[in-house]
Structures are given as structure tokens and as C-alpha cells.
C-alpha atoms as a PDB file:
ATOM      1  CA  MET A   1      79.813  82.862 118.456  1.00  0.00           C
ATOM      2  CA  THR A   2      76.116  82.030 117.192  1.00  0.00           C
ATOM      3  CA  PHE A   3      74.538  83.491 114.108  1.00  0.00           C
ATOM      4  CA  PRO A   4      71.701  85.733 115.035  1.00  0.00           C
ATOM      5  CA  ASN A   5      68.175  84.477 114.593  1.00  0.00           C
ATOM      6  CA  THR A   6      66.186  85.253 111.449  1.00  0.00           C
ATOM      7  CA  PRO A   7      62.412  85.107 111.631  1.00  0.00           C
ATOM      8  CA  PRO A   8      61.251  81.731 110.033  1.00  0.00           C
ATOM      9  CA  ASP A   9      59.828  82.963 107.018  1.00  0.00           C
ATOM     10  CA  GLY A  10      62.838  84.781 105.942  1.00  0.00           C
ATOM     11  CA  ILE A  11      63.570  88.491 105.482  1.00  0.00           C
ATOM     12  CA  ASN A  12      61.708  90.254 102.045  1.00  0.00           C
ATOM     13  CA  PRO A  13      63.467  93.639 102.584  1.00  0.00           C
ATOM     14  CA  ILE A  14      61.724  95.138  99.824  1.00  0.00           C
ATOM     15  CA  ASP A  15      57.876  94.970 101.694  1.00  0.00           C
ATOM     16  CA  GLY A  16      57.090  97.199 103.649  1.00  0.00           C
ATOM     17  CA  LEU A  17      60.705  99.070 104.095  1.00  0.00           C
ATOM     18  CA  ASP A  18      61.615 102.803 103.407  1.00  0.00           C
ATOM     19  CA  PRO A  19      65.269 103.139 101.197  1.00  0.00           C
ATOM     20  CA  GLU A  20      66.936 103.881 104.634  1.00  0.00           C
ATOM     21  CA  GLN A  21      65.647 100.513 106.101  1.00  0.00           C
ATOM     22  CA  ILE A  22      67.141  99.025 102.959  1.00  0.00           C
ATOM     23  CA  ALA A  23      70.165 100.430 103.319  1.00  0.00           C
ATOM     24  CA  LEU A  24      70.712  99.963 107.018  1.00  0.00           C
ATOM     25  CA  LEU A  25      69.609  96.046 106.099  1.00  0.00           C
ATOM     26  CA  LEU A  26      72.506  95.940 103.418  1.00  0.00           C
ATOM     27  CA  LEU A  27      75.240  97.955 105.681  1.00  0.00           C
ATOM     28  CA  ALA A  28      74.486  95.500 108.358  1.00  0.00           C
ATOM     29  CA  SER A  29      75.642  92.367 105.857  1.00  0.00           C
ATOM     30  CA  ILE A  30      78.606  94.223 105.630  1.00  0.00           C
ATOM     31  CA  ALA A  31      79.361  94.359 109.047  1.00  0.00           C
ATOM     32  CA  PHE A  32      78.544  90.759 109.764  1.00  0.00           C
ATOM     33  CA  GLU A  33      81.138  89.804 106.469  1.00  0.00           C
ATOM     34  CA  GLU A  34      83.982  92.460 108.343  1.00  0.00           C
ATOM     35  CA  LEU A  35      83.451  90.747 111.292  1.00  0.00           C
ATOM     36  CA  GLY A  36      83.635  87.089 109.604  1.00  0.00           C
ATOM     37  CA  LEU A  37      86.483  88.384 108.062  1.00  0.00           C
ATOM     38  CA  ALA A  38      88.026  89.218 111.061  1.00  0.00           C
ATOM     39  CA  HIS A  39      88.253  85.709 112.381  1.00  0.00           C
ATOM     40  CA  VAL A  40      90.057  84.961 109.830  1.00  0.00           C
ATOM     41  CA  ILE A  41      92.722  87.241 110.291  1.00  0.00           C
ATOM     42  CA  ASN A  42      92.889  86.435 113.863  1.00  0.00           C
ATOM     43  CA  ALA A  43      92.801  82.588 112.832  1.00  0.00           C
ATOM     44  CA  GLU A  44      95.597  83.464 110.644  1.00  0.00           C
ATOM     45  CA  ALA A  45      97.760  85.251 112.798  1.00  0.00           C
ATOM     46  CA  GLU A  46      97.691  82.382 115.550  1.00  0.00           C
ATOM     47  CA  LYS A  47      98.717  80.044 112.969  1.00  0.00           C
ATOM     48  CA  LEU A  48     101.627  81.872 112.071  1.00  0.00           C
ATOM     49  CA  GLN A  49     102.231  82.137 116.083  1.00  0.00           C
ATOM     50  CA  GLY A  50     101.893  78.707 116.829  1.00  0.00           C
ATOM     51  CA  ALA A  51     104.178  78.375 113.700  1.00  0.00           C
ATOM     52  CA  ILE A  52     106.777  80.788 115.737  1.00  0.00           C
ATOM     53  CA  GLY A  53     106.031  79.415 118.943  1.00  0.00           C
ATOM     54  CA  THR A  54     104.598  82.466 120.391  1.00  0.00           C
ATOM     55  CA  LEU A  55     101.104  80.998 121.247  1.00  0.00           C
ATOM     56  CA  VAL A  56     100.512  80.368 124.601  1.00  0.00           C
ATOM     57  CA  ASP A  57      97.851  80.525 127.028  1.00  0.00           C
ATOM     58  CA  GLU A  58      97.460  82.720 130.393  1.00  0.00           C
ATOM     59  CA  ASN A  59     100.651  80.495 132.364  1.00  0.00           C
ATOM     60  CA  GLY A  60     102.958  81.346 129.326  1.00  0.00           C
ATOM     61  CA  ASP A  61     102.687  77.437 128.264  1.00  0.00           C
ATOM     62  CA  PRO A  62     102.701  76.854 124.771  1.00  0.00           C
ATOM     63  CA  ILE A  63      99.291  75.990 123.406  1.00  0.00           C
ATOM     64  CA  ASN A  64     100.150  73.420 121.075  1.00  0.00           C
ATOM     65  CA  PRO A  65     104.004  72.419 121.004  1.00  0.00           C
ATOM     66  CA  LEU A  66     103.519  70.387 118.021  1.00  0.00           C
ATOM     67  CA  ILE A  67     102.420  73.402 115.596  1.00  0.00           C
ATOM     68  CA  GLN A  68     105.620  75.019 116.267  1.00  0.00           C
ATOM     69  CA  ALA A  69     107.751  75.008 113.024  1.00  0.00           C
ATOM     70  CA  GLY A  70     110.491  72.532 113.172  1.00  0.00           C
ATOM     71  CA  SER A  71     112.444  74.270 110.379  1.00  0.00           C
ATOM     72  CA  LEU A  72     112.875  77.342 108.617  1.00  0.00           C
ATOM     73  CA  ALA A  73     111.532  75.485 105.718  1.00  0.00           C
ATOM     74  CA  GLU A  74     108.302  74.547 107.427  1.00  0.00           C
ATOM     75  CA  LEU A  75     107.906  78.267 108.739  1.00  0.00           C
ATOM     76  CA  LEU A  76     108.423  79.463 104.936  1.00  0.00           C
ATOM     77  CA  ALA A  77     105.691  77.505 104.582  1.00  0.00           C
ATOM     78  CA  ALA A  78     103.034  78.557 107.246  1.00  0.00           C
ATOM     79  CA  ASN A  79     104.308  82.428 106.452  1.00  0.00           C
ATOM     80  CA  ARG A  80     103.175  80.931 102.277  1.00  0.00           C
ATOM     81  CA  GLU A  81      99.656  79.857 103.457  1.00  0.00           C
ATOM     82  CA  VAL A  82      99.119  82.577 105.702  1.00  0.00           C
ATOM     83  CA  GLU A  83      99.549  85.349 102.605  1.00  0.00           C
ATOM     84  CA  LYS A  84      97.704  83.212 100.507  1.00  0.00           C
ATOM     85  CA  MET A  85      94.573  83.471 103.002  1.00  0.00           C
ATOM     86  CA  LEU A  86      95.418  87.411 103.467  1.00  0.00           C
ATOM     87  CA  ARG A  87      95.320  87.691  99.591  1.00  0.00           C
ATOM     88  CA  THR A  88      91.574  86.049  99.610  1.00  0.00           C
ATOM     89  CA  VAL A  89      90.866  88.507 102.442  1.00  0.00           C
ATOM     90  CA  ILE A  90      91.982  91.569 100.719  1.00  0.00           C
ATOM     91  CA  LYS A  91      89.860  90.391  97.690  1.00  0.00           C
ATOM     92  CA  LYS A  92      86.654  90.325  99.822  1.00  0.00           C
ATOM     93  CA  GLU A  93      87.538  93.468 101.152  1.00  0.00           C
ATOM     94  CA  MET A  94      87.816  95.132  97.953  1.00  0.00           C
ATOM     95  CA  LEU A  95      84.329  93.573  97.057  1.00  0.00           C
ATOM     96  CA  LEU A  96      82.383  94.613 100.558  1.00  0.00           C
ATOM     97  CA  GLN A  97      84.135  98.123  99.614  1.00  0.00           C
ATOM     98  CA  PHE A  98      82.169  97.997  95.988  1.00  0.00           C
ATOM     99  CA  LYS A  99      79.200  96.900  98.132  1.00  0.00           C
ATOM    100  CA  PHE A 100      79.585  99.580 100.436  1.00  0.00           C
ATOM    101  CA  GLU A 101      79.675 102.453  97.161  1.00  0.00           C
ATOM    102  CA  ASN A 102      76.635 101.024  95.672  1.00  0.00           C
ATOM    103  CA  ILE A 103      74.831 101.352  98.652  1.00  0.00           C
ATOM    104  CA  LEU A 104      75.850 104.538  99.292  1.00  0.00           C
ATOM    105  CA  GLU A 105      74.803 105.659  95.385  1.00  0.00           C
ATOM    106  CA  PHE A 106      71.445 103.944  96.238  1.00  0.00           C
ATOM    107  CA  LEU A 107      71.121 105.935  98.955  1.00  0.00           C
ATOM    108  CA  SER A 108      71.972 109.550  96.903  1.00  0.00           C
ATOM    109  CA  THR A 109      69.303 108.403  94.224  1.00  0.00           C
ATOM    110  CA  THR A 110      66.787 107.312  96.488  1.00  0.00           C
ATOM    111  CA  THR A 111      67.201 110.825  98.858  1.00  0.00           C
ATOM    112  CA  THR A 112      67.678 112.591  95.811  1.00  0.00           C
ATOM    113  CA  SER A 113      64.323 111.020  94.200  1.00  0.00           C
ATOM    114  CA  ASN A 114      62.403 111.542  97.623  1.00  0.00           C
ATOM    115  CA  SER A 115      62.785 115.063  97.637  1.00  0.00           C
ATOM    116  CA  ILE A 116      61.772 115.828  94.431  1.00  0.00           C
END
């Protein structure tokens, strides 16, 4: 996956854009962050599958048998690491929720000021 191309001069979301276009750019930034978090969550799921030994290819063969936990202690350690990462993801989700609420507030204030 590649990141989308941006104009060489960069993007100045204020010049020549109306409030709705600005809000759409901000919502797109949230969407890209959510996509990144989805990839992190998927990687953590695969980490646990590898530790358990259920991460297999199309033929049912383990993708990397060397990452399978050899003991309960190793399995619990992998679980703790995944839990720590998911806590970080949850924190980021909360920040994105705040950002989304700010965008909604921005839209409601610009709609109100435009209709006066």
C-alpha cells in the first residue's frame, strides 16, 4: 500500500477553500489515521495467531513456526505486548473522536455564521 500523492507545493487548506471543503480534508485525515490503526490492529491479531500457532497460509501450513510460543509464559508475554499496543490504539481512537467532534462543531458554527 502506498500513501496518496500530494501536490508538490503542499496543501494549504485555507486558501480558496470553503468551510465544507476544509471539513472534508479534516475528515479524510481522520480516515487515513483510522486506516493506519486498522493495520496495527490486524498486525497485533496476526502476532497472537503466530504465538498460538494458528497463523497459516492457504495450504494450512504455519507461516512462521519460529514465532509460536513454546510455553505458557511466552504466550502470556505475547498477550501482554498485544494488550499494551491495543491500549495505545484506544488512546489514539479517543483523540480521533475529539478531532471528529471538533470538526462537527466547526461545521455547525460555519453553517450558523453563513446563514446569518
